[in-house]
Amino acid sequence: MKTTLLTSPDQSKAWFVVDAANETLGRISVKIANVLRGRHKPTYTPHTDTGDFVVVVNAEKIKVTGKKNTDKIYMSYSGWMGGDKHVSMETMRANKPEFIIEHAVKGMLPRNKLGRQMIKKLKIHTGPDHPYQAQQPQPLV
């Protein structure tokens, strides 16, 4: 038996659209991360980017359980002394709702060049409209 591995020219990239309205953050992030990695395809190869593009709409309407909306903190650090910033999910949802989904999905991807290449295929938008109608994205089930 010979194992065939898919190379970059052999693959085709599809486009999927996800409506994040009233979806739980973690559950929808797992589905998005699997599509970005290509785990939904029979030709999945761990060391190659075989994933598809994902367009997320209605990012501001994502749902979280418990008290995460007020208690969850996103931390960033500038590198300077005292340069750490703490922002709650409630504030982040008001200012940059795209970041919430991107942060969750990015944590589920590999932490190397391959993961940085995969996260570029994620397009997140607030509201129900997106500029990718020409790619004819299919709804992700």
N, C-alpha and C. Protein backbone atom coordinates (compact mmCIF):
# COMPACT_ATOMS: atom_id res chain seq x y z
N MET A 1 0.85 -1.18 0.00
CA MET A 1 0.00 0.00 0.00
C MET A 1 0.89 1.23 0.00
N LYS A 2 0.54 2.18 -0.83
CA LYS A 2 1.30 3.42 -0.89
C LYS A 2 0.44 4.56 -0.38
N THR A 3 0.99 5.41 0.47
CA THR A 3 0.28 6.57 0.98
C THR A 3 0.52 7.74 0.05
N THR A 4 -0.55 8.30 -0.47
CA THR A 4 -0.40 9.45 -1.35
C THR A 4 -0.65 10.72 -0.54
N LEU A 5 0.25 11.67 -0.68
CA LEU A 5 0.13 12.94 0.03
C LEU A 5 -0.17 14.04 -0.99
N LEU A 6 -1.10 14.88 -0.64
CA LEU A 6 -1.53 15.96 -1.52
C LEU A 6 -0.54 17.10 -1.46
N THR A 7 -0.17 17.62 -2.62
CA THR A 7 0.71 18.79 -2.68
C THR A 7 -0.11 20.03 -3.03
N SER A 8 0.48 21.18 -2.94
CA SER A 8 -0.24 22.43 -3.13
C SER A 8 -0.93 22.57 -4.49
N PRO A 9 -0.30 22.23 -5.62
CA PRO A 9 -0.99 22.42 -6.91
C PRO A 9 -2.19 21.49 -7.10
N ASP A 10 -2.23 20.36 -6.38
CA ASP A 10 -3.28 19.37 -6.59
C ASP A 10 -4.62 19.76 -5.95
N GLN A 11 -4.64 20.75 -5.10
CA GLN A 11 -5.84 21.02 -4.31
C GLN A 11 -6.65 22.18 -4.88
N SER A 12 -7.94 22.15 -4.57
CA SER A 12 -8.82 23.24 -4.95
C SER A 12 -9.40 23.86 -3.69
N LYS A 13 -9.52 25.18 -3.68
CA LYS A 13 -10.02 25.89 -2.51
C LYS A 13 -11.47 26.28 -2.73
N ALA A 14 -12.33 25.90 -1.81
CA ALA A 14 -13.74 26.27 -1.86
C ALA A 14 -13.96 27.43 -0.89
N TRP A 15 -15.12 28.05 -0.97
CA TRP A 15 -15.48 29.15 -0.08
C TRP A 15 -16.74 28.77 0.67
N PHE A 16 -16.74 29.00 1.98
CA PHE A 16 -17.90 28.73 2.82
C PHE A 16 -18.29 30.00 3.56
N VAL A 17 -19.58 30.17 3.82
CA VAL A 17 -20.06 31.31 4.59
C VAL A 17 -20.74 30.77 5.85
N VAL A 18 -20.47 31.43 6.98
CA VAL A 18 -21.01 31.03 8.27
C VAL A 18 -21.75 32.22 8.86
N ASP A 19 -23.00 32.00 9.27
CA ASP A 19 -23.77 33.04 9.96
C ASP A 19 -23.59 32.81 11.45
N ALA A 20 -22.89 33.73 12.12
CA ALA A 20 -22.56 33.56 13.54
C ALA A 20 -23.66 34.03 14.47
N ALA A 21 -24.79 34.49 13.95
CA ALA A 21 -25.87 34.99 14.80
C ALA A 21 -26.43 33.85 15.65
N ASN A 22 -26.47 34.07 16.97
CA ASN A 22 -27.00 33.11 17.95
C ASN A 22 -26.28 31.77 17.95
N GLU A 23 -25.01 31.76 17.54
CA GLU A 23 -24.19 30.55 17.62
C GLU A 23 -23.24 30.69 18.80
N THR A 24 -22.95 29.58 19.47
CA THR A 24 -22.03 29.59 20.59
C THR A 24 -20.60 29.73 20.06
N LEU A 25 -19.82 30.58 20.70
CA LEU A 25 -18.48 30.93 20.22
C LEU A 25 -17.58 29.71 20.04
N GLY A 26 -17.47 28.87 21.04
CA GLY A 26 -16.56 27.72 20.97
C GLY A 26 -16.98 26.70 19.94
N ARG A 27 -18.26 26.44 19.86
CA ARG A 27 -18.75 25.41 18.94
C ARG A 27 -18.58 25.83 17.49
N ILE A 28 -18.84 27.09 17.19
CA ILE A 28 -18.69 27.55 15.81
C ILE A 28 -17.21 27.70 15.46
N SER A 29 -16.37 28.02 16.46
CA SER A 29 -14.94 28.17 16.21
C SER A 29 -14.28 26.85 15.85
N VAL A 30 -14.74 25.76 16.46
CA VAL A 30 -14.20 24.44 16.13
C VAL A 30 -14.51 24.08 14.69
N LYS A 31 -15.74 24.34 14.25
CA LYS A 31 -16.13 24.04 12.87
C LYS A 31 -15.30 24.88 11.89
N ILE A 32 -15.12 26.16 12.20
CA ILE A 32 -14.35 27.04 11.33
C ILE A 32 -12.89 26.58 11.25
N ALA A 33 -12.30 26.24 12.41
CA ALA A 33 -10.90 25.82 12.44
C ALA A 33 -10.70 24.52 11.65
N ASN A 34 -11.64 23.60 11.73
CA ASN A 34 -11.52 22.36 10.98
C ASN A 34 -11.58 22.60 9.47
N VAL A 35 -12.42 23.52 9.03
CA VAL A 35 -12.50 23.84 7.60
C VAL A 35 -11.23 24.56 7.15
N LEU A 36 -10.70 25.46 7.96
CA LEU A 36 -9.46 26.16 7.60
C LEU A 36 -8.29 25.19 7.49
N ARG A 37 -8.27 24.18 8.35
CA ARG A 37 -7.19 23.18 8.30
C ARG A 37 -7.39 22.16 7.20
N GLY A 38 -8.65 21.95 6.78
CA GLY A 38 -8.94 20.96 5.75
C GLY A 38 -9.32 19.61 6.32
N ARG A 39 -9.69 19.56 7.59
CA ARG A 39 -10.01 18.28 8.24
C ARG A 39 -11.33 17.70 7.75
N HIS A 40 -12.12 18.49 7.03
CA HIS A 40 -13.40 18.00 6.52
C HIS A 40 -13.24 17.27 5.18
N LYS A 41 -12.05 17.26 4.62
CA LYS A 41 -11.79 16.64 3.32
C LYS A 41 -11.14 15.27 3.49
N PRO A 42 -11.41 14.36 2.58
CA PRO A 42 -10.71 13.05 2.65
C PRO A 42 -9.24 13.16 2.27
N THR A 43 -8.84 14.27 1.66
CA THR A 43 -7.45 14.45 1.26
C THR A 43 -6.65 15.25 2.29
N TYR A 44 -7.11 15.27 3.54
CA TYR A 44 -6.44 16.05 4.59
C TYR A 44 -5.02 15.55 4.80
N THR A 45 -4.08 16.49 4.79
CA THR A 45 -2.68 16.20 5.06
C THR A 45 -2.23 17.17 6.15
N PRO A 46 -1.72 16.67 7.28
CA PRO A 46 -1.42 17.55 8.42
C PRO A 46 -0.37 18.63 8.14
N HIS A 47 0.61 18.32 7.28
CA HIS A 47 1.70 19.27 7.07
C HIS A 47 1.49 20.17 5.86
N THR A 48 0.30 20.12 5.25
CA THR A 48 0.00 20.94 4.07
C THR A 48 -1.29 21.71 4.31
N ASP A 49 -1.37 22.90 3.74
CA ASP A 49 -2.56 23.71 3.87
C ASP A 49 -3.59 23.25 2.84
N THR A 50 -4.46 22.33 3.24
CA THR A 50 -5.49 21.80 2.34
C THR A 50 -6.86 22.39 2.63
N GLY A 51 -6.93 23.39 3.49
CA GLY A 51 -8.20 23.95 3.93
C GLY A 51 -8.83 24.90 2.93
N ASP A 52 -10.03 25.34 3.25
CA ASP A 52 -10.82 26.22 2.41
C ASP A 52 -10.97 27.59 3.06
N PHE A 53 -11.52 28.53 2.31
CA PHE A 53 -11.79 29.87 2.81
C PHE A 53 -13.10 29.87 3.59
N VAL A 54 -13.17 30.67 4.65
CA VAL A 54 -14.38 30.79 5.46
C VAL A 54 -14.70 32.27 5.64
N VAL A 55 -15.95 32.64 5.33
CA VAL A 55 -16.43 34.01 5.52
C VAL A 55 -17.45 33.96 6.65
N VAL A 56 -17.22 34.73 7.71
CA VAL A 56 -18.12 34.78 8.86
C VAL A 56 -18.87 36.10 8.82
N VAL A 57 -20.20 36.04 8.91
CA VAL A 57 -21.02 37.25 8.95
C VAL A 57 -21.75 37.31 10.28
N ASN A 58 -22.22 38.50 10.65
CA ASN A 58 -22.90 38.75 11.93
C ASN A 58 -22.02 38.40 13.12
N ALA A 59 -20.78 38.83 13.08
CA ALA A 59 -19.82 38.52 14.14
C ALA A 59 -20.21 39.15 15.47
N GLU A 60 -20.93 40.28 15.43
CA GLU A 60 -21.29 40.96 16.68
C GLU A 60 -22.41 40.23 17.42
N LYS A 61 -23.07 39.27 16.79
CA LYS A 61 -24.19 38.56 17.41
C LYS A 61 -23.80 37.20 17.96
N ILE A 62 -22.51 36.95 18.12
CA ILE A 62 -22.05 35.66 18.65
C ILE A 62 -22.49 35.52 20.09
N LYS A 63 -22.77 34.29 20.52
CA LYS A 63 -23.31 34.03 21.85
C LYS A 63 -22.25 33.32 22.69
N VAL A 64 -22.18 33.67 23.97
CA VAL A 64 -21.31 32.97 24.92
C VAL A 64 -22.16 32.57 26.12
N THR A 65 -21.70 31.53 26.81
CA THR A 65 -22.46 31.02 27.94
C THR A 65 -21.89 31.56 29.25
N GLY A 66 -22.67 31.48 30.29
CA GLY A 66 -22.21 31.90 31.61
C GLY A 66 -21.99 33.39 31.70
N LYS A 67 -20.98 33.79 32.51
CA LYS A 67 -20.67 35.20 32.71
C LYS A 67 -19.46 35.64 31.91
N LYS A 68 -19.18 34.93 30.80
CA LYS A 68 -18.00 35.26 30.00
C LYS A 68 -18.07 36.67 29.41
N ASN A 69 -19.26 37.14 29.12
CA ASN A 69 -19.38 38.46 28.50
C ASN A 69 -18.81 39.56 29.38
N THR A 70 -18.92 39.41 30.69
CA THR A 70 -18.37 40.42 31.60
C THR A 70 -17.06 39.99 32.24
N ASP A 71 -16.85 38.68 32.43
CA ASP A 71 -15.68 38.21 33.18
C ASP A 71 -14.48 37.86 32.31
N LYS A 72 -14.69 37.50 31.05
CA LYS A 72 -13.56 37.11 30.20
C LYS A 72 -12.74 38.33 29.84
N ILE A 73 -11.43 38.22 29.98
CA ILE A 73 -10.51 39.33 29.75
C ILE A 73 -9.54 38.97 28.62
N TYR A 74 -9.39 39.88 27.66
CA TYR A 74 -8.37 39.74 26.62
C TYR A 74 -7.20 40.62 27.01
N MET A 75 -6.00 40.03 27.05
CA MET A 75 -4.82 40.75 27.50
C MET A 75 -3.85 40.93 26.34
N SER A 76 -3.30 42.12 26.20
CA SER A 76 -2.25 42.37 25.22
C SER A 76 -1.10 43.09 25.92
N TYR A 77 0.10 42.88 25.41
CA TYR A 77 1.29 43.43 26.06
C TYR A 77 2.16 44.11 25.01
N SER A 78 2.55 45.37 25.27
CA SER A 78 3.32 46.16 24.31
C SER A 78 4.81 45.84 24.35
N GLY A 79 5.28 45.23 25.42
CA GLY A 79 6.70 44.97 25.55
C GLY A 79 7.37 45.95 26.50
N TRP A 80 6.71 47.02 26.84
CA TRP A 80 7.23 48.00 27.77
C TRP A 80 6.74 47.69 29.18
N MET A 81 7.46 48.20 30.18
CA MET A 81 7.04 48.00 31.56
C MET A 81 5.70 48.67 31.79
N GLY A 82 4.78 47.94 32.36
CA GLY A 82 3.45 48.46 32.60
C GLY A 82 2.63 48.60 31.33
N GLY A 83 3.07 47.97 30.26
CA GLY A 83 2.39 48.11 28.97
C GLY A 83 1.38 47.03 28.69
N ASP A 84 0.81 46.45 29.73
CA ASP A 84 -0.21 45.43 29.49
C ASP A 84 -1.59 46.06 29.55
N LYS A 85 -2.45 45.63 28.62
CA LYS A 85 -3.81 46.15 28.55
C LYS A 85 -4.78 45.00 28.76
N HIS A 86 -5.81 45.24 29.52
CA HIS A 86 -6.84 44.23 29.80
C HIS A 86 -8.18 44.78 29.32
N VAL A 87 -8.82 44.03 28.42
CA VAL A 87 -10.09 44.45 27.85
C VAL A 87 -11.10 43.33 28.04
N SER A 88 -12.28 43.65 28.55
CA SER A 88 -13.30 42.62 28.75
C SER A 88 -13.96 42.28 27.42
N MET A 89 -14.62 41.13 27.40
CA MET A 89 -15.30 40.70 26.18
C MET A 89 -16.43 41.67 25.82
N GLU A 90 -17.06 42.24 26.83
CA GLU A 90 -18.15 43.20 26.61
C GLU A 90 -17.64 44.42 25.84
N THR A 91 -16.48 44.95 26.24
CA THR A 91 -15.88 46.10 25.56
C THR A 91 -15.39 45.71 24.17
N MET A 92 -14.80 44.52 24.07
CA MET A 92 -14.29 44.05 22.78
C MET A 92 -15.43 43.85 21.79
N ARG A 93 -16.58 43.37 22.28
CA ARG A 93 -17.74 43.16 21.41
C ARG A 93 -18.25 44.50 20.86
N ALA A 94 -18.16 45.56 21.68
CA ALA A 94 -18.60 46.88 21.23
C ALA A 94 -17.62 47.50 20.25
N ASN A 95 -16.31 47.29 20.46
CA ASN A 95 -15.30 47.95 19.64
C ASN A 95 -14.85 47.13 18.44
N LYS A 96 -14.43 45.88 18.66
CA LYS A 96 -13.92 45.02 17.59
C LYS A 96 -14.52 43.62 17.72
N PRO A 97 -15.76 43.39 17.30
CA PRO A 97 -16.37 42.06 17.46
C PRO A 97 -15.69 40.99 16.60
N GLU A 98 -15.00 41.38 15.54
CA GLU A 98 -14.30 40.40 14.70
C GLU A 98 -13.19 39.71 15.47
N PHE A 99 -12.56 40.46 16.38
CA PHE A 99 -11.41 39.93 17.13
C PHE A 99 -11.80 38.73 17.99
N ILE A 100 -13.01 38.72 18.52
CA ILE A 100 -13.45 37.63 19.40
C ILE A 100 -13.41 36.30 18.68
N ILE A 101 -13.96 36.26 17.47
CA ILE A 101 -13.97 35.01 16.70
C ILE A 101 -12.57 34.68 16.21
N GLU A 102 -11.84 35.68 15.74
CA GLU A 102 -10.49 35.43 15.23
C GLU A 102 -9.58 34.88 16.33
N HIS A 103 -9.69 35.41 17.53
CA HIS A 103 -8.88 34.96 18.66
C HIS A 103 -9.20 33.51 19.02
N ALA A 104 -10.48 33.16 19.01
CA ALA A 104 -10.88 31.80 19.35
C ALA A 104 -10.42 30.80 18.30
N VAL A 105 -10.56 31.16 17.02
CA VAL A 105 -10.16 30.24 15.95
C VAL A 105 -8.65 30.11 15.88
N LYS A 106 -7.94 31.22 16.06
CA LYS A 106 -6.47 31.21 15.98
C LYS A 106 -5.87 30.29 17.05
N GLY A 107 -6.51 30.21 18.21
CA GLY A 107 -6.02 29.32 19.25
C GLY A 107 -6.19 27.85 18.94
N MET A 108 -6.99 27.53 17.92
CA MET A 108 -7.23 26.14 17.54
C MET A 108 -6.41 25.72 16.33
N LEU A 109 -5.59 26.61 15.80
CA LEU A 109 -4.76 26.31 14.64
C LEU A 109 -3.33 26.05 15.09
N PRO A 110 -2.50 25.43 14.24
CA PRO A 110 -1.10 25.20 14.60
C PRO A 110 -0.37 26.51 14.84
N ARG A 111 0.58 26.48 15.75
CA ARG A 111 1.34 27.68 16.10
C ARG A 111 2.67 27.70 15.36
N ASN A 112 2.59 27.85 14.03
CA ASN A 112 3.78 27.90 13.18
C ASN A 112 3.42 28.61 11.88
N LYS A 113 4.29 28.53 10.86
CA LYS A 113 4.04 29.20 9.59
C LYS A 113 2.75 28.70 8.95
N LEU A 114 2.48 27.43 9.11
CA LEU A 114 1.28 26.85 8.52
C LEU A 114 0.01 27.44 9.13
N GLY A 115 0.01 27.63 10.44
CA GLY A 115 -1.14 28.23 11.11
C GLY A 115 -1.35 29.68 10.70
N ARG A 116 -0.25 30.42 10.52
CA ARG A 116 -0.36 31.81 10.09
C ARG A 116 -0.88 31.90 8.65
N GLN A 117 -0.57 30.90 7.84
CA GLN A 117 -1.07 30.84 6.48
C GLN A 117 -2.56 30.50 6.48
N MET A 118 -2.98 29.64 7.40
CA MET A 118 -4.39 29.22 7.47
C MET A 118 -5.29 30.33 7.95
N ILE A 119 -4.85 31.13 8.93
CA ILE A 119 -5.71 32.17 9.50
C ILE A 119 -5.99 33.27 8.47
N LYS A 120 -5.15 33.40 7.44
CA LYS A 120 -5.38 34.40 6.41
C LYS A 120 -6.59 34.07 5.54
N LYS A 121 -7.04 32.81 5.59
CA LYS A 121 -8.21 32.40 4.81
C LYS A 121 -9.52 32.64 5.55
N LEU A 122 -9.44 33.23 6.74
CA LEU A 122 -10.64 33.54 7.52
C LEU A 122 -11.00 35.01 7.32
N LYS A 123 -12.21 35.26 6.85
CA LYS A 123 -12.70 36.62 6.61
C LYS A 123 -13.91 36.85 7.51
N ILE A 124 -13.82 37.81 8.43
CA ILE A 124 -14.87 38.05 9.41
C ILE A 124 -15.47 39.43 9.18
N HIS A 125 -16.81 39.51 9.19
CA HIS A 125 -17.51 40.76 8.94
C HIS A 125 -18.66 40.93 9.93
N THR A 126 -18.88 42.18 10.34
CA THR A 126 -20.06 42.49 11.13
C THR A 126 -21.20 42.76 10.16
N GLY A 127 -22.39 42.41 10.57
CA GLY A 127 -23.54 42.60 9.68
C GLY A 127 -23.70 41.43 8.73
N PRO A 128 -24.83 41.39 8.03
CA PRO A 128 -25.13 40.23 7.17
C PRO A 128 -24.48 40.28 5.79
N ASP A 129 -23.81 41.36 5.43
CA ASP A 129 -23.24 41.50 4.09
C ASP A 129 -21.74 41.24 4.09
N HIS A 130 -21.24 40.73 2.94
CA HIS A 130 -19.80 40.52 2.76
C HIS A 130 -19.46 40.74 1.29
N PRO A 131 -18.21 41.11 0.98
CA PRO A 131 -17.83 41.43 -0.40
C PRO A 131 -17.35 40.22 -1.20
N TYR A 132 -17.71 39.00 -0.82
CA TYR A 132 -17.19 37.81 -1.48
C TYR A 132 -18.28 37.05 -2.25
N GLN A 133 -19.25 37.78 -2.80
CA GLN A 133 -20.32 37.12 -3.57
C GLN A 133 -19.79 36.50 -4.86
N ALA A 134 -18.74 37.06 -5.44
CA ALA A 134 -18.19 36.55 -6.69
C ALA A 134 -17.59 35.15 -6.53
N GLN A 135 -17.17 34.80 -5.32
CA GLN A 135 -16.59 33.49 -5.07
C GLN A 135 -17.68 32.43 -4.85
N GLN A 136 -18.93 32.82 -4.80
CA GLN A 136 -20.08 31.93 -4.61
C GLN A 136 -19.89 31.02 -3.39
N PRO A 137 -19.81 31.59 -2.19
CA PRO A 137 -19.59 30.76 -1.01
C PRO A 137 -20.82 29.93 -0.68
N GLN A 138 -20.57 28.69 -0.26
CA GLN A 138 -21.62 27.77 0.14
C GLN A 138 -21.84 27.89 1.64
N PRO A 139 -23.07 27.71 2.14
CA PRO A 139 -23.27 27.75 3.60
C PRO A 139 -22.62 26.55 4.28
N LEU A 140 -21.95 26.80 5.37
CA LEU A 140 -21.29 25.74 6.13
C LEU A 140 -22.31 25.12 7.07
N VAL A 141 -22.45 23.82 6.98
CA VAL A 141 -23.45 23.11 7.80
C VAL A 141 -22.86 22.67 9.11
